[in-house]
């Protein structure tokens, strides 16, 4: 495990924090990478408390950080 994707706590509104760190990428086959990303997103949904409808997604890189909120239907 190299820590490419991490569920680490919650943001201030109680949304699970899902961090993706592309700089730690060391595999070439995109299939298992995508399967793992979907699995991690499903685990983030499992961690949602009552009334929470979004997952807080953070993409961290060496140059910048991006933050997105995914609403779960």
PDB file of N, CA and C in Angstrom:
ATOM      1  N   UNK A   1       0.835  -1.176   0.000  1.00  0.00           N
ATOM      2  CA  UNK A   1       0.000   0.000   0.000  1.00  0.00           C
ATOM      3  C   UNK A   1       0.883   1.244   0.000  1.00  0.00           C
ATOM      4  N   UNK A   2       0.566   2.138  -0.886  1.00  0.00           N
ATOM      5  CA  UNK A   2       1.362   3.359  -0.951  1.00  0.00           C
ATOM      6  C   UNK A   2       0.572   4.591  -0.545  1.00  0.00           C
ATOM      7  N   UNK A   3      -0.683   4.446  -0.160  1.00  0.00           N
ATOM      8  CA  UNK A   3      -1.459   5.592   0.303  1.00  0.00           C
ATOM      9  C   UNK A   3      -1.933   6.503  -0.805  1.00  0.00           C
ATOM     10  N   UNK A   4      -2.302   5.938  -1.963  1.00  0.00           N
ATOM     11  CA  UNK A   4      -2.780   6.756  -3.072  1.00  0.00           C
ATOM     12  C   UNK A   4      -4.126   7.389  -2.763  1.00  0.00           C
ATOM     13  N   UNK A   5      -4.951   6.676  -2.011  1.00  0.00           N
ATOM     14  CA  UNK A   5      -6.283   7.154  -1.646  1.00  0.00           C
ATOM     15  C   UNK A   5      -6.500   6.864  -0.167  1.00  0.00           C
ATOM     16  N   UNK A   6      -7.047   7.853   0.538  1.00  0.00           N
ATOM     17  CA  UNK A   6      -7.199   7.729   1.988  1.00  0.00           C
ATOM     18  C   UNK A   6      -8.539   8.327   2.404  1.00  0.00           C
ATOM     19  N   UNK A   7      -9.256   7.645   3.278  1.00  0.00           N
ATOM     20  CA  UNK A   7     -10.406   8.225   3.957  1.00  0.00           C
ATOM     21  C   UNK A   7      -9.892   8.685   5.300  1.00  0.00           C
ATOM     22  N   UNK A   8      -9.941   9.996   5.526  1.00  0.00           N
ATOM     23  CA  UNK A   8      -9.306  10.532   6.722  1.00  0.00           C
ATOM     24  C   UNK A   8     -10.212  11.552   7.394  1.00  0.00           C
ATOM     25  N   UNK A   9     -11.090  11.077   8.238  1.00  0.00           N
ATOM     26  CA  UNK A   9     -11.926  11.963   9.031  1.00  0.00           C
ATOM     27  C   UNK A   9     -13.074  12.578   8.264  1.00  0.00           C
ATOM     28  N   UNK A  10     -13.518  13.727   8.770  1.00  0.00           N
ATOM     29  CA  UNK A  10     -14.677  14.426   8.232  1.00  0.00           C
ATOM     30  C   UNK A  10     -14.355  15.909   8.110  1.00  0.00           C
ATOM     31  N   UNK A  11     -15.078  16.609   7.216  1.00  0.00           N
ATOM     32  CA  UNK A  11     -14.919  18.055   7.158  1.00  0.00           C
ATOM     33  C   UNK A  11     -15.833  18.701   8.201  1.00  0.00           C
ATOM     34  N   UNK A  12     -15.892  20.034   8.223  1.00  0.00           N
ATOM     35  CA  UNK A  12     -16.653  20.743   9.251  1.00  0.00           C
ATOM     36  C   UNK A  12     -18.156  20.501   9.178  1.00  0.00           C
ATOM     37  N   UNK A  13     -18.643  20.035   8.039  1.00  0.00           N
ATOM     38  CA  UNK A  13     -20.074  19.765   7.878  1.00  0.00           C
ATOM     39  C   UNK A  13     -20.407  18.285   8.032  1.00  0.00           C
ATOM     40  N   UNK A  14     -19.447  17.478   8.477  1.00  0.00           N
ATOM     41  CA  UNK A  14     -19.693  16.064   8.732  1.00  0.00           C
ATOM     42  C   UNK A  14     -19.600  15.163   7.515  1.00  0.00           C
ATOM     43  N   UNK A  15     -19.070  15.688   6.406  1.00  0.00           N
ATOM     44  CA  UNK A  15     -18.915  14.867   5.208  1.00  0.00           C
ATOM     45  C   UNK A  15     -17.617  14.069   5.316  1.00  0.00           C
ATOM     46  N   UNK A  16     -17.638  12.771   4.945  1.00  0.00           N
ATOM     47  CA  UNK A  16     -16.395  11.994   4.955  1.00  0.00           C
ATOM     48  C   UNK A  16     -15.365  12.625   4.009  1.00  0.00           C
ATOM     49  N   UNK A  17     -14.122  12.692   4.451  1.00  0.00           N
ATOM     50  CA  UNK A  17     -13.049  13.297   3.653  1.00  0.00           C
ATOM     51  C   UNK A  17     -12.280  12.206   2.902  1.00  0.00           C
ATOM     52  N   UNK A  18     -12.375  12.230   1.577  1.00  0.00           N
ATOM     53  CA  UNK A  18     -11.748  11.248   0.692  1.00  0.00           C
ATOM     54  C   UNK A  18     -10.597  11.947  -0.026  1.00  0.00           C
ATOM     55  N   UNK A  19      -9.369  11.584   0.304  1.00  0.00           N
ATOM     56  CA  UNK A  19      -8.177  12.207  -0.272  1.00  0.00           C
ATOM     57  C   UNK A  19      -7.584  11.312  -1.355  1.00  0.00           C
ATOM     58  N   UNK A  20      -7.247  11.905  -2.496  1.00  0.00           N
ATOM     59  CA  UNK A  20      -6.548  11.211  -3.573  1.00  0.00           C
ATOM     60  C   UNK A  20      -5.212  11.903  -3.779  1.00  0.00           C
ATOM     61  N   UNK A  21      -4.143  11.113  -3.831  1.00  0.00           N
ATOM     62  CA  UNK A  21      -2.803  11.683  -3.923  1.00  0.00           C
ATOM     63  C   UNK A  21      -2.107  11.095  -5.161  1.00  0.00           C
ATOM     64  N   UNK A  22      -2.260  11.740  -6.320  1.00  0.00           N
ATOM     65  CA  UNK A  22      -1.716  11.191  -7.556  1.00  0.00           C
ATOM     66  C   UNK A  22      -0.189  11.073  -7.580  1.00  0.00           C
ATOM     67  N   UNK A  23       0.508  11.852  -6.783  1.00  0.00           N
ATOM     68  CA  UNK A  23       1.973  11.777  -6.802  1.00  0.00           C
ATOM     69  C   UNK A  23       2.495  10.445  -6.268  1.00  0.00           C
ATOM     70  N   UNK A  24       1.658   9.699  -5.567  1.00  0.00           N
ATOM     71  CA  UNK A  24       2.058   8.388  -5.053  1.00  0.00           C
ATOM     72  C   UNK A  24       1.707   7.247  -6.003  1.00  0.00           C
ATOM     73  N   UNK A  25       1.248   7.581  -7.190  1.00  0.00           N
ATOM     74  CA  UNK A  25       0.845   6.598  -8.186  1.00  0.00           C
ATOM     75  C   UNK A  25       2.068   5.813  -8.661  1.00  0.00           C
ATOM     76  N   UNK A  26       1.964   4.480  -8.624  1.00  0.00           N
ATOM     77  CA  UNK A  26       3.092   3.663  -9.070  1.00  0.00           C
ATOM     78  C   UNK A  26       2.658   2.441  -9.868  1.00  0.00           C
ATOM     79  N   UNK A  27       1.397   2.396 -10.325  1.00  0.00           N
ATOM     80  CA  UNK A  27       0.918   1.278 -11.134  1.00  0.00           C
ATOM     81  C   UNK A  27       0.497   1.795 -12.500  1.00  0.00           C
ATOM     82  N   UNK A  28       0.437   0.898 -13.468  1.00  0.00           N
ATOM     83  CA  UNK A  28       0.139   1.315 -14.832  1.00  0.00           C
ATOM     84  C   UNK A  28      -1.233   0.877 -15.314  1.00  0.00           C
ATOM     85  N   UNK A  29      -1.784  -0.200 -14.785  1.00  0.00           N
ATOM     86  CA  UNK A  29      -3.079  -0.707 -15.237  1.00  0.00           C
ATOM     87  C   UNK A  29      -4.215   0.097 -14.608  1.00  0.00           C
ATOM     88  N   UNK A  30      -5.016   0.816 -15.414  1.00  0.00           N
ATOM     89  CA  UNK A  30      -6.065   1.663 -14.846  1.00  0.00           C
ATOM     90  C   UNK A  30      -7.266   0.897 -14.288  1.00  0.00           C
ATOM     91  N   UNK A  31      -7.474  -0.344 -14.706  1.00  0.00           N
ATOM     92  CA  UNK A  31      -8.633  -1.111 -14.254  1.00  0.00           C
ATOM     93  C   UNK A  31      -8.711  -1.265 -12.739  1.00  0.00           C
ATOM     94  N   UNK A  32      -7.681  -1.851 -12.112  1.00  0.00           N
ATOM     95  CA  UNK A  32      -7.711  -1.993 -10.654  1.00  0.00           C
ATOM     96  C   UNK A  32      -7.713  -0.650  -9.927  1.00  0.00           C
ATOM     97  N   UNK A  33      -7.075   0.364 -10.509  1.00  0.00           N
ATOM     98  CA  UNK A  33      -7.074   1.692  -9.895  1.00  0.00           C
ATOM     99  C   UNK A  33      -8.493   2.241  -9.808  1.00  0.00           C
ATOM    100  N   UNK A  34      -9.242   2.117 -10.901  1.00  0.00           N
ATOM    101  CA  UNK A  34     -10.615   2.608 -10.929  1.00  0.00           C
ATOM    102  C   UNK A  34     -11.503   1.810  -9.982  1.00  0.00           C
ATOM    103  N   UNK A  35     -11.319   0.491  -9.959  1.00  0.00           N
ATOM    104  CA  UNK A  35     -12.096  -0.350  -9.038  1.00  0.00           C
ATOM    105  C   UNK A  35     -11.839   0.058  -7.595  1.00  0.00           C
ATOM    106  N   UNK A  36     -10.600   0.332  -7.256  1.00  0.00           N
ATOM    107  CA  UNK A  36     -10.273   0.726  -5.894  1.00  0.00           C
ATOM    108  C   UNK A  36     -10.853   2.099  -5.563  1.00  0.00           C
ATOM    109  N   UNK A  37     -10.809   3.022  -6.519  1.00  0.00           N
ATOM    110  CA  UNK A  37     -11.380   4.356  -6.294  1.00  0.00           C
ATOM    111  C   UNK A  37     -12.884   4.263  -6.036  1.00  0.00           C
ATOM    112  N   UNK A  38     -13.576   3.425  -6.794  1.00  0.00           N
ATOM    113  CA  UNK A  38     -15.016   3.234  -6.592  1.00  0.00           C
ATOM    114  C   UNK A  38     -15.262   2.580  -5.238  1.00  0.00           C
ATOM    115  N   UNK A  39     -14.468   1.595  -4.882  1.00  0.00           N
ATOM    116  CA  UNK A  39     -14.614   0.920  -3.583  1.00  0.00           C
ATOM    117  C   UNK A  39     -14.419   1.922  -2.442  1.00  0.00           C
ATOM    118  N   UNK A  40     -13.408   2.781  -2.565  1.00  0.00           N
ATOM    119  CA  UNK A  40     -13.164   3.797  -1.527  1.00  0.00           C
ATOM    120  C   UNK A  40     -14.331   4.784  -1.445  1.00  0.00           C
ATOM    121  N   UNK A  41     -14.883   5.170  -2.579  1.00  0.00           N
ATOM    122  CA  UNK A  41     -16.037   6.069  -2.570  1.00  0.00           C
ATOM    123  C   UNK A  41     -17.235   5.398  -1.896  1.00  0.00           C
ATOM    124  N   UNK A  42     -17.427   4.111  -2.145  1.00  0.00           N
ATOM    125  CA  UNK A  42     -18.504   3.376  -1.473  1.00  0.00           C
ATOM    126  C   UNK A  42     -18.285   3.325   0.037  1.00  0.00           C
ATOM    127  N   UNK A  43     -17.038   3.160   0.470  1.00  0.00           N
ATOM    128  CA  UNK A  43     -16.758   3.163   1.914  1.00  0.00           C
ATOM    129  C   UNK A  43     -17.033   4.546   2.506  1.00  0.00           C
ATOM    130  N   UNK A  44     -16.724   5.612   1.745  1.00  0.00           N
ATOM    131  CA  UNK A  44     -17.017   6.967   2.223  1.00  0.00           C
ATOM    132  C   UNK A  44     -18.523   7.148   2.392  1.00  0.00           C
ATOM    133  N   UNK A  45     -19.303   6.611   1.469  1.00  0.00           N
ATOM    134  CA  UNK A  45     -20.760   6.679   1.584  1.00  0.00           C
ATOM    135  C   UNK A  45     -21.221   5.921   2.823  1.00  0.00           C
ATOM    136  N   UNK A  46     -20.594   4.779   3.106  1.00  0.00           N
ATOM    137  CA  UNK A  46     -20.927   4.015   4.317  1.00  0.00           C
ATOM    138  C   UNK A  46     -20.671   4.823   5.584  1.00  0.00           C
ATOM    139  N   UNK A  47     -19.709   5.733   5.552  1.00  0.00           N
ATOM    140  CA  UNK A  47     -19.350   6.526   6.726  1.00  0.00           C
ATOM    141  C   UNK A  47     -20.228   7.761   6.929  1.00  0.00           C
ATOM    142  N   UNK A  48     -21.115   8.028   5.981  1.00  0.00           N
ATOM    143  CA  UNK A  48     -21.980   9.201   6.092  1.00  0.00           C
ATOM    144  C   UNK A  48     -22.943   9.058   7.262  1.00  0.00           C
ATOM    145  N   UNK A  49     -23.089  10.135   7.993  1.00  0.00           N
ATOM    146  CA  UNK A  49     -24.041  10.157   9.090  1.00  0.00           C
ATOM    147  C   UNK A  49     -25.433  10.524   8.583  1.00  0.00           C
ATOM    148  N   UNK A  50     -26.416  10.497   9.465  1.00  0.00           N
ATOM    149  CA  UNK A  50     -27.772  10.887   9.075  1.00  0.00           C
ATOM    150  C   UNK A  50     -27.818  12.328   8.575  1.00  0.00           C
ATOM    151  N   UNK A  51     -28.495  12.546   7.466  1.00  0.00           N
ATOM    152  CA  UNK A  51     -28.636  13.885   6.906  1.00  0.00           C
ATOM    153  C   UNK A  51     -27.491  14.339   6.020  1.00  0.00           C
ATOM    154  N   UNK A  52     -26.414  13.575   5.944  1.00  0.00           N
ATOM    155  CA  UNK A  52     -25.275  13.937   5.090  1.00  0.00           C
ATOM    156  C   UNK A  52     -25.524  13.367   3.693  1.00  0.00           C
ATOM    157  N   UNK A  53     -25.397  14.215   2.678  1.00  0.00           N
ATOM    158  CA  UNK A  53     -25.669  13.798   1.304  1.00  0.00           C
ATOM    159  C   UNK A  53     -24.473  13.940   0.378  1.00  0.00           C
ATOM    160  N   UNK A  54     -23.329  14.391   0.885  1.00  0.00           N
ATOM    161  CA  UNK A  54     -22.156  14.634   0.042  1.00  0.00           C
ATOM    162  C   UNK A  54     -20.911  13.995   0.645  1.00  0.00           C
ATOM    163  N   UNK A  55     -19.960  13.707  -0.223  1.00  0.00           N
ATOM    164  CA  UNK A  55     -18.628  13.262   0.177  1.00  0.00           C
ATOM    165  C   UNK A  55     -17.659  14.379  -0.193  1.00  0.00           C
ATOM    166  N   UNK A  56     -16.771  14.721   0.696  1.00  0.00           N
ATOM    167  CA  UNK A  56     -15.763  15.739   0.436  1.00  0.00           C
ATOM    168  C   UNK A  56     -14.543  15.062  -0.189  1.00  0.00           C
ATOM    169  N   UNK A  57     -14.247  15.381  -1.449  1.00  0.00           N
ATOM    170  CA  UNK A  57     -13.132  14.760  -2.161  1.00  0.00           C
ATOM    171  C   UNK A  57     -12.009  15.779  -2.325  1.00  0.00           C
ATOM    172  N   UNK A  58     -10.815  15.389  -1.956  1.00  0.00           N
ATOM    173  CA  UNK A  58      -9.650  16.263  -2.013  1.00  0.00           C
ATOM    174  C   UNK A  58      -8.588  15.600  -2.885  1.00  0.00           C
ATOM    175  N   UNK A  59      -8.140  16.286  -3.920  1.00  0.00           N
ATOM    176  CA  UNK A  59      -7.054  15.791  -4.755  1.00  0.00           C
ATOM    177  C   UNK A  59      -5.821  16.621  -4.437  1.00  0.00           C
ATOM    178  N   UNK A  60      -4.826  15.981  -3.895  1.00  0.00           N
ATOM    179  CA  UNK A  60      -3.603  16.665  -3.480  1.00  0.00           C
ATOM    180  C   UNK A  60      -2.492  16.370  -4.475  1.00  0.00           C
ATOM    181  N   UNK A  61      -1.801  17.407  -4.902  1.00  0.00           N
ATOM    182  CA  UNK A  61      -0.638  17.219  -5.766  1.00  0.00           C
ATOM    183  C   UNK A  61       0.485  18.116  -5.271  1.00  0.00           C
ATOM    184  N   UNK A  62       1.613  17.987  -5.880  1.00  0.00           N
ATOM    185  CA  UNK A  62       2.766  18.781  -5.460  1.00  0.00           C
ATOM    186  C   UNK A  62       2.582  20.259  -5.805  1.00  0.00           C
ATOM    187  N   UNK A  63       1.786  20.549  -6.836  1.00  0.00           N
ATOM    188  CA  UNK A  63       1.636  21.920  -7.299  1.00  0.00           C
ATOM    189  C   UNK A  63       0.398  22.615  -6.739  1.00  0.00           C
ATOM    190  N   UNK A  64      -0.674  21.867  -6.521  1.00  0.00           N
ATOM    191  CA  UNK A  64      -1.907  22.504  -6.053  1.00  0.00           C
ATOM    192  C   UNK A  64      -2.810  21.471  -5.395  1.00  0.00           C
ATOM    193  N   UNK A  65      -3.877  21.949  -4.803  1.00  0.00           N
ATOM    194  CA  UNK A  65      -4.884  21.085  -4.208  1.00  0.00           C
ATOM    195  C   UNK A  65      -6.242  21.445  -4.797  1.00  0.00           C
ATOM    196  N   UNK A  66      -7.063  20.441  -5.001  1.00  0.00           N
ATOM    197  CA  UNK A  66      -8.409  20.662  -5.507  1.00  0.00           C
ATOM    198  C   UNK A  66      -9.389  19.999  -4.565  1.00  0.00           C
ATOM    199  N   UNK A  67     -10.526  20.644  -4.349  1.00  0.00           N
ATOM    200  CA  UNK A  67     -11.541  20.109  -3.466  1.00  0.00           C
ATOM    201  C   UNK A  67     -12.862  20.045  -4.208  1.00  0.00           C
ATOM    202  N   UNK A  68     -13.539  18.915  -4.108  1.00  0.00           N
ATOM    203  CA  UNK A  68     -14.826  18.711  -4.744  1.00  0.00           C
ATOM    204  C   UNK A  68     -15.782  18.097  -3.739  1.00  0.00           C
ATOM    205  N   UNK A  69     -17.065  18.331  -3.954  1.00  0.00           N
ATOM    206  CA  UNK A  69     -18.095  17.718  -3.135  1.00  0.00           C
ATOM    207  C   UNK A  69     -18.994  16.911  -4.047  1.00  0.00           C
ATOM    208  N   UNK A  70     -19.121  15.623  -3.768  1.00  0.00           N
ATOM    209  CA  UNK A  70     -19.972  14.743  -4.556  1.00  0.00           C
ATOM    210  C   UNK A  70     -21.261  14.512  -3.814  1.00  0.00           C
ATOM    211  N   UNK A  71     -22.379  14.821  -4.457  1.00  0.00           N
ATOM    212  CA  UNK A  71     -23.678  14.578  -3.853  1.00  0.00           C
ATOM    213  C   UNK A  71     -24.105  13.153  -4.206  1.00  0.00           C
ATOM    214  N   UNK A  72     -24.547  12.424  -3.208  1.00  0.00           N
ATOM    215  CA  UNK A  72     -24.988  11.050  -3.398  1.00  0.00           C
ATOM    216  C   UNK A  72     -26.484  11.066  -3.649  1.00  0.00           C
ATOM    217  N   UNK A  73     -26.947  10.490  -4.771  1.00  0.00           N
ATOM    218  CA  UNK A  73     -28.384  10.525  -5.057  1.00  0.00           C
ATOM    219  C   UNK A  73     -29.190   9.671  -4.101  1.00  0.00           C
TER     220      UNK A  73
END
